[in-house]
N, C-alpha and C. Protein backbone atom coordinates (compact mmCIF):
# COMPACT_ATOMS: atom_id res chain seq x y z
N MET A 1 143.57 69.58 87.41
CA MET A 1 144.08 70.43 88.38
C MET A 1 143.56 72.02 87.98
N TYR A 2 143.20 72.59 88.93
CA TYR A 2 142.85 73.90 88.80
C TYR A 2 143.33 74.84 89.67
N ALA A 3 143.27 76.24 89.49
CA ALA A 3 143.74 77.12 90.46
C ALA A 3 142.97 78.48 90.24
N LEU A 4 143.05 79.22 91.41
CA LEU A 4 142.46 80.60 91.43
C LEU A 4 143.55 81.49 91.31
N ILE A 5 143.61 82.41 90.30
CA ILE A 5 144.49 83.30 90.11
C ILE A 5 144.17 84.84 90.21
N LYS A 6 144.87 85.80 90.41
CA LYS A 6 144.40 87.27 90.83
C LYS A 6 145.47 88.02 89.58
N THR A 7 144.34 88.68 88.71
CA THR A 7 145.21 89.31 87.95
C THR A 7 144.43 90.45 87.47
N GLY A 8 144.80 91.70 87.43
CA GLY A 8 144.14 93.05 86.91
C GLY A 8 143.11 93.29 88.05
N GLY A 9 143.14 93.03 89.37
CA GLY A 9 142.37 93.17 90.37
C GLY A 9 140.96 92.45 90.10
N LYS A 10 141.11 91.22 89.38
CA LYS A 10 140.07 90.33 89.28
C LYS A 10 140.77 89.01 89.84
N GLN A 11 139.86 87.85 89.92
CA GLN A 11 140.20 86.57 90.23
C GLN A 11 139.53 85.62 89.34
N TYR A 12 140.35 84.69 89.07
CA TYR A 12 139.75 83.96 87.95
C TYR A 12 139.96 82.34 88.32
N LYS A 13 139.05 81.50 88.24
CA LYS A 13 139.20 80.19 88.08
C LYS A 13 139.84 79.42 86.80
N VAL A 14 141.24 78.83 86.85
CA VAL A 14 141.41 78.47 85.42
C VAL A 14 142.19 77.00 85.50
N ALA A 15 142.39 76.27 84.67
CA ALA A 15 142.77 75.02 84.28
C ALA A 15 143.53 74.95 82.96
N ALA A 16 144.23 73.89 82.93
CA ALA A 16 145.30 73.92 81.74
C ALA A 16 144.16 73.74 80.33
N GLY A 17 144.69 74.43 79.56
CA GLY A 17 143.68 74.32 78.03
C GLY A 17 142.70 75.09 77.94
N GLU A 18 142.42 75.87 79.06
CA GLU A 18 141.43 76.96 78.67
C GLU A 18 141.85 78.36 78.27
N LYS A 19 140.96 79.03 77.93
CA LYS A 19 141.39 80.50 77.51
C LYS A 19 140.34 81.49 78.15
N ILE A 20 141.12 82.51 78.52
CA ILE A 20 140.41 83.51 79.51
C ILE A 20 140.83 84.88 79.06
N LYS A 21 139.78 85.84 79.15
CA LYS A 21 139.89 87.35 78.62
C LYS A 21 140.40 87.97 80.03
N VAL A 22 141.40 88.66 80.15
CA VAL A 22 141.77 89.31 81.64
C VAL A 22 142.21 90.83 81.07
N GLU A 23 142.38 91.63 82.19
CA GLU A 23 142.68 93.00 81.50
C GLU A 23 143.97 92.88 81.00
N GLN A 24 143.94 93.98 80.25
CA GLN A 24 145.18 94.10 79.23
C GLN A 24 146.49 93.91 80.06
N ILE A 25 147.38 93.19 79.55
CA ILE A 25 148.53 92.74 80.20
C ILE A 25 149.82 93.27 79.05
N ALA A 26 150.83 93.82 79.45
CA ALA A 26 151.83 94.31 78.24
C ALA A 26 152.86 93.25 78.07
N ALA A 27 152.21 92.34 77.12
CA ALA A 27 153.11 91.53 76.77
C ALA A 27 152.57 91.10 75.13
N ASP A 28 153.75 90.34 74.30
CA ASP A 28 153.50 90.59 73.02
C ASP A 28 152.76 89.03 72.70
N VAL A 29 152.14 89.04 71.52
CA VAL A 29 151.35 87.89 71.14
C VAL A 29 152.07 86.78 71.03
N GLY A 30 151.65 85.62 71.44
CA GLY A 30 152.64 84.28 71.50
C GLY A 30 153.75 84.30 72.32
N GLN A 31 153.89 85.50 73.13
CA GLN A 31 154.80 85.32 74.50
C GLN A 31 154.40 84.41 75.75
N GLU A 32 155.08 83.74 76.15
CA GLU A 32 154.66 83.14 77.73
C GLU A 32 154.73 83.82 78.68
N ILE A 33 153.89 83.91 79.68
CA ILE A 33 153.57 84.68 80.79
C ILE A 33 153.75 83.75 82.09
N THR A 34 154.33 84.18 83.16
CA THR A 34 154.22 83.22 84.60
C THR A 34 153.19 84.24 85.38
N ILE A 35 152.08 83.61 85.90
CA ILE A 35 151.21 84.34 86.88
C ILE A 35 151.55 83.98 88.40
N ASP A 36 152.48 84.35 89.29
CA ASP A 36 152.56 83.88 90.47
C ASP A 36 151.74 84.25 91.74
N GLN A 37 150.60 85.13 91.34
CA GLN A 37 149.84 85.35 92.46
C GLN A 37 148.41 84.34 92.11
N VAL A 38 149.06 83.04 92.80
CA VAL A 38 147.88 81.99 92.78
C VAL A 38 147.58 82.05 94.38
N LEU A 39 146.07 82.09 94.56
CA LEU A 39 145.24 82.05 95.85
C LEU A 39 144.93 80.87 96.24
N ALA A 40 144.62 79.82 95.49
CA ALA A 40 144.44 78.37 95.93
C ALA A 40 144.81 77.32 94.50
N VAL A 41 144.74 76.22 94.98
CA VAL A 41 145.13 75.22 94.08
C VAL A 41 144.36 73.99 94.46
N GLY A 42 143.63 73.35 93.58
CA GLY A 42 142.80 72.34 93.84
C GLY A 42 142.83 71.22 92.91
N ALA A 43 142.68 69.95 93.32
CA ALA A 43 142.63 68.86 92.28
C ALA A 43 141.54 67.80 92.81
N GLY A 44 140.35 67.81 92.34
CA GLY A 44 139.37 66.97 92.70
C GLY A 44 138.93 67.48 93.90
N ALA A 45 138.86 66.54 95.14
CA ALA A 45 138.42 67.10 96.41
C ALA A 45 139.48 67.80 97.32
N ASP A 46 140.77 67.87 96.90
CA ASP A 46 141.84 68.25 97.52
C ASP A 46 141.91 69.67 97.07
N LEU A 47 141.92 70.50 98.21
CA LEU A 47 142.25 71.87 97.92
C LEU A 47 143.32 72.87 98.81
N LYS A 48 144.16 73.30 98.35
CA LYS A 48 145.28 73.94 98.97
C LYS A 48 144.95 75.57 98.89
N VAL A 49 144.54 76.13 100.15
CA VAL A 49 144.30 77.66 100.11
C VAL A 49 145.43 78.29 100.73
N GLY A 50 146.06 79.34 99.86
CA GLY A 50 147.03 80.18 100.43
C GLY A 50 146.57 81.22 101.56
N THR A 51 147.68 81.93 101.97
CA THR A 51 147.49 83.00 103.40
C THR A 51 148.28 83.96 102.76
N PRO A 52 148.06 84.82 101.99
CA PRO A 52 146.96 84.85 100.98
C PRO A 52 147.27 84.01 99.70
N LEU A 53 148.65 83.75 99.36
CA LEU A 53 149.14 83.10 97.97
C LEU A 53 149.43 81.84 98.69
N VAL A 54 149.65 80.99 97.53
CA VAL A 54 150.15 79.70 97.77
C VAL A 54 151.74 79.59 97.49
N ALA A 55 152.43 79.20 98.64
CA ALA A 55 153.66 79.36 98.29
C ALA A 55 154.55 78.46 97.11
N GLY A 56 155.08 79.02 96.23
CA GLY A 56 155.54 78.51 95.23
C GLY A 56 154.76 77.84 94.11
N ALA A 57 153.48 78.40 94.09
CA ALA A 57 152.61 77.99 93.02
C ALA A 57 152.55 79.01 92.03
N THR A 58 152.70 78.42 90.67
CA THR A 58 152.40 79.29 89.34
C THR A 58 151.58 78.81 88.34
N VAL A 59 151.21 79.77 87.52
CA VAL A 59 150.37 79.50 86.45
C VAL A 59 151.16 80.15 85.18
N VAL A 60 151.44 79.14 84.00
CA VAL A 60 152.01 79.45 83.03
C VAL A 60 150.85 79.63 82.06
N ALA A 61 151.05 80.77 81.30
CA ALA A 61 149.87 81.12 80.22
C ALA A 61 150.80 81.65 78.98
N LYS A 62 149.97 81.49 77.88
CA LYS A 62 150.55 82.04 76.28
C LYS A 62 149.65 83.12 75.91
N VAL A 63 150.02 84.28 75.59
CA VAL A 63 149.23 85.28 75.25
C VAL A 63 148.81 85.07 73.56
N VAL A 64 147.48 84.88 73.66
CA VAL A 64 146.89 84.69 72.19
C VAL A 64 146.42 85.90 71.23
N ALA A 65 145.94 86.90 71.98
CA ALA A 65 145.42 88.17 71.42
C ALA A 65 145.37 89.25 72.19
N HIS A 66 145.36 90.29 71.69
CA HIS A 66 144.65 91.50 72.62
C HIS A 66 143.55 92.10 71.80
N GLY A 67 142.75 92.69 72.38
CA GLY A 67 141.47 93.14 71.65
C GLY A 67 140.63 94.11 72.87
N ARG A 68 139.69 94.39 72.15
CA ARG A 68 138.67 95.43 72.96
C ARG A 68 137.00 94.83 73.27
N HIS A 69 136.74 94.75 74.28
CA HIS A 69 135.22 94.55 74.48
C HIS A 69 134.05 95.07 73.71
N ASP A 70 132.98 94.74 73.82
CA ASP A 70 132.04 95.39 73.33
C ASP A 70 131.73 96.81 73.74
N LYS A 71 131.33 97.87 72.94
CA LYS A 71 131.16 99.19 73.77
C LYS A 71 129.94 99.09 74.84
N VAL A 72 130.23 99.74 75.85
CA VAL A 72 129.32 99.92 76.95
C VAL A 72 128.67 101.20 76.64
N ARG A 73 127.52 101.23 76.61
CA ARG A 73 127.05 102.81 76.62
C ARG A 73 126.57 103.42 77.83
N ILE A 74 126.82 104.80 78.09
CA ILE A 74 126.50 105.31 79.26
C ILE A 74 125.47 106.63 78.95
N PHE A 75 124.24 106.41 79.34
CA PHE A 75 123.38 107.84 79.28
C PHE A 75 122.80 108.28 80.47
N LYS A 76 123.25 109.38 80.67
CA LYS A 76 122.83 110.26 81.98
C LYS A 76 121.83 111.22 81.54
N MET A 77 121.08 111.41 82.30
CA MET A 77 119.80 112.44 82.19
C MET A 77 119.22 112.94 83.35
N ARG A 78 118.88 114.31 83.53
CA ARG A 78 118.10 115.00 84.56
C ARG A 78 116.79 115.31 84.05
N ARG A 79 115.59 114.82 84.58
CA ARG A 79 114.39 115.16 84.17
C ARG A 79 114.24 116.63 84.09
N ARG A 80 113.31 117.04 83.33
CA ARG A 80 112.86 118.51 83.10
C ARG A 80 114.05 119.68 83.07
N LYS A 81 115.36 119.09 83.12
CA LYS A 81 116.27 120.10 83.17
C LYS A 81 117.07 120.42 81.55
N HIS A 82 116.53 119.70 80.64
CA HIS A 82 117.04 119.83 79.53
C HIS A 82 118.54 119.32 79.63
N TYR A 83 118.86 118.18 80.28
CA TYR A 83 120.40 117.89 80.44
C TYR A 83 120.18 116.38 79.93
N GLN A 84 120.94 116.03 78.74
CA GLN A 84 121.31 114.96 78.52
C GLN A 84 122.61 114.49 78.21
N LYS A 85 123.34 113.38 78.56
CA LYS A 85 124.84 113.30 78.20
C LYS A 85 125.08 111.85 78.01
N ARG A 86 125.58 111.64 76.58
CA ARG A 86 125.62 110.06 75.92
C ARG A 86 127.20 109.94 76.11
N GLN A 87 127.76 108.87 76.46
CA GLN A 87 129.24 108.53 76.40
C GLN A 87 129.43 107.02 76.25
N GLY A 88 130.46 106.62 75.72
CA GLY A 88 130.79 105.38 75.29
C GLY A 88 132.23 104.67 75.98
N HIS A 89 132.30 103.34 76.20
CA HIS A 89 133.44 103.03 76.57
C HIS A 89 133.79 101.63 76.17
N ARG A 90 134.90 101.20 75.63
CA ARG A 90 135.41 100.12 75.18
C ARG A 90 136.72 99.59 76.12
N GLN A 91 136.62 98.58 76.87
CA GLN A 91 137.93 98.01 77.70
C GLN A 91 138.86 97.08 76.91
N ASN A 92 140.05 97.53 77.16
CA ASN A 92 141.10 96.57 76.58
C ASN A 92 141.16 95.31 77.21
N PHE A 93 141.31 94.21 76.59
CA PHE A 93 141.51 93.08 77.13
C PHE A 93 142.69 92.11 76.58
N THR A 94 143.26 91.07 77.14
CA THR A 94 144.30 90.24 76.74
C THR A 94 143.75 88.82 76.97
N GLU A 95 143.84 88.02 75.72
CA GLU A 95 143.30 86.69 75.89
C GLU A 95 144.47 85.93 76.10
N LEU A 96 144.31 85.16 76.92
CA LEU A 96 145.38 83.87 77.60
C LEU A 96 144.66 82.58 77.25
N GLU A 97 145.67 81.71 76.87
CA GLU A 97 145.80 80.24 77.04
C GLU A 97 146.41 79.51 77.97
N ILE A 98 145.96 78.96 79.01
CA ILE A 98 146.41 78.54 79.94
C ILE A 98 147.19 77.28 79.63
N SER A 99 148.63 77.44 79.76
CA SER A 99 149.38 75.80 79.46
C SER A 99 149.75 74.98 80.63
N THR A 100 150.02 75.31 81.64
CA THR A 100 150.03 74.57 82.86
C THR A 100 149.86 75.12 84.32
N VAL A 101 149.55 74.47 85.21
CA VAL A 101 149.39 74.94 86.59
C VAL A 101 150.19 74.15 87.54
N ASN A 102 151.26 74.78 88.20
CA ASN A 102 152.32 74.27 88.74
C ASN A 102 151.79 74.42 90.28
N ALA A 103 151.76 73.38 90.94
CA ALA A 103 151.57 73.72 92.56
C ALA A 103 152.61 73.78 93.45
């Protein structure tokens, strides 16, 4: 059984036992969280799509770790104008392990 969930402005396809990296969530490591924004739930060829959410469907996940992604380097330049700007960015993430998908 799998589910399409929405968290941090993004959508993820998850199943029990998978690990995913999502936008940072304010939860402690080892804490169980419940995600109730489930867009669709499927098992094999059967698919239940919500309008926009599936009523009563939840996904339970355990917080495994917090961290930061690799650095993204931003380089801006205007030719012939002696303008160069360098900048870097590292996005925070939370790693979740999906425990169960409840339809």
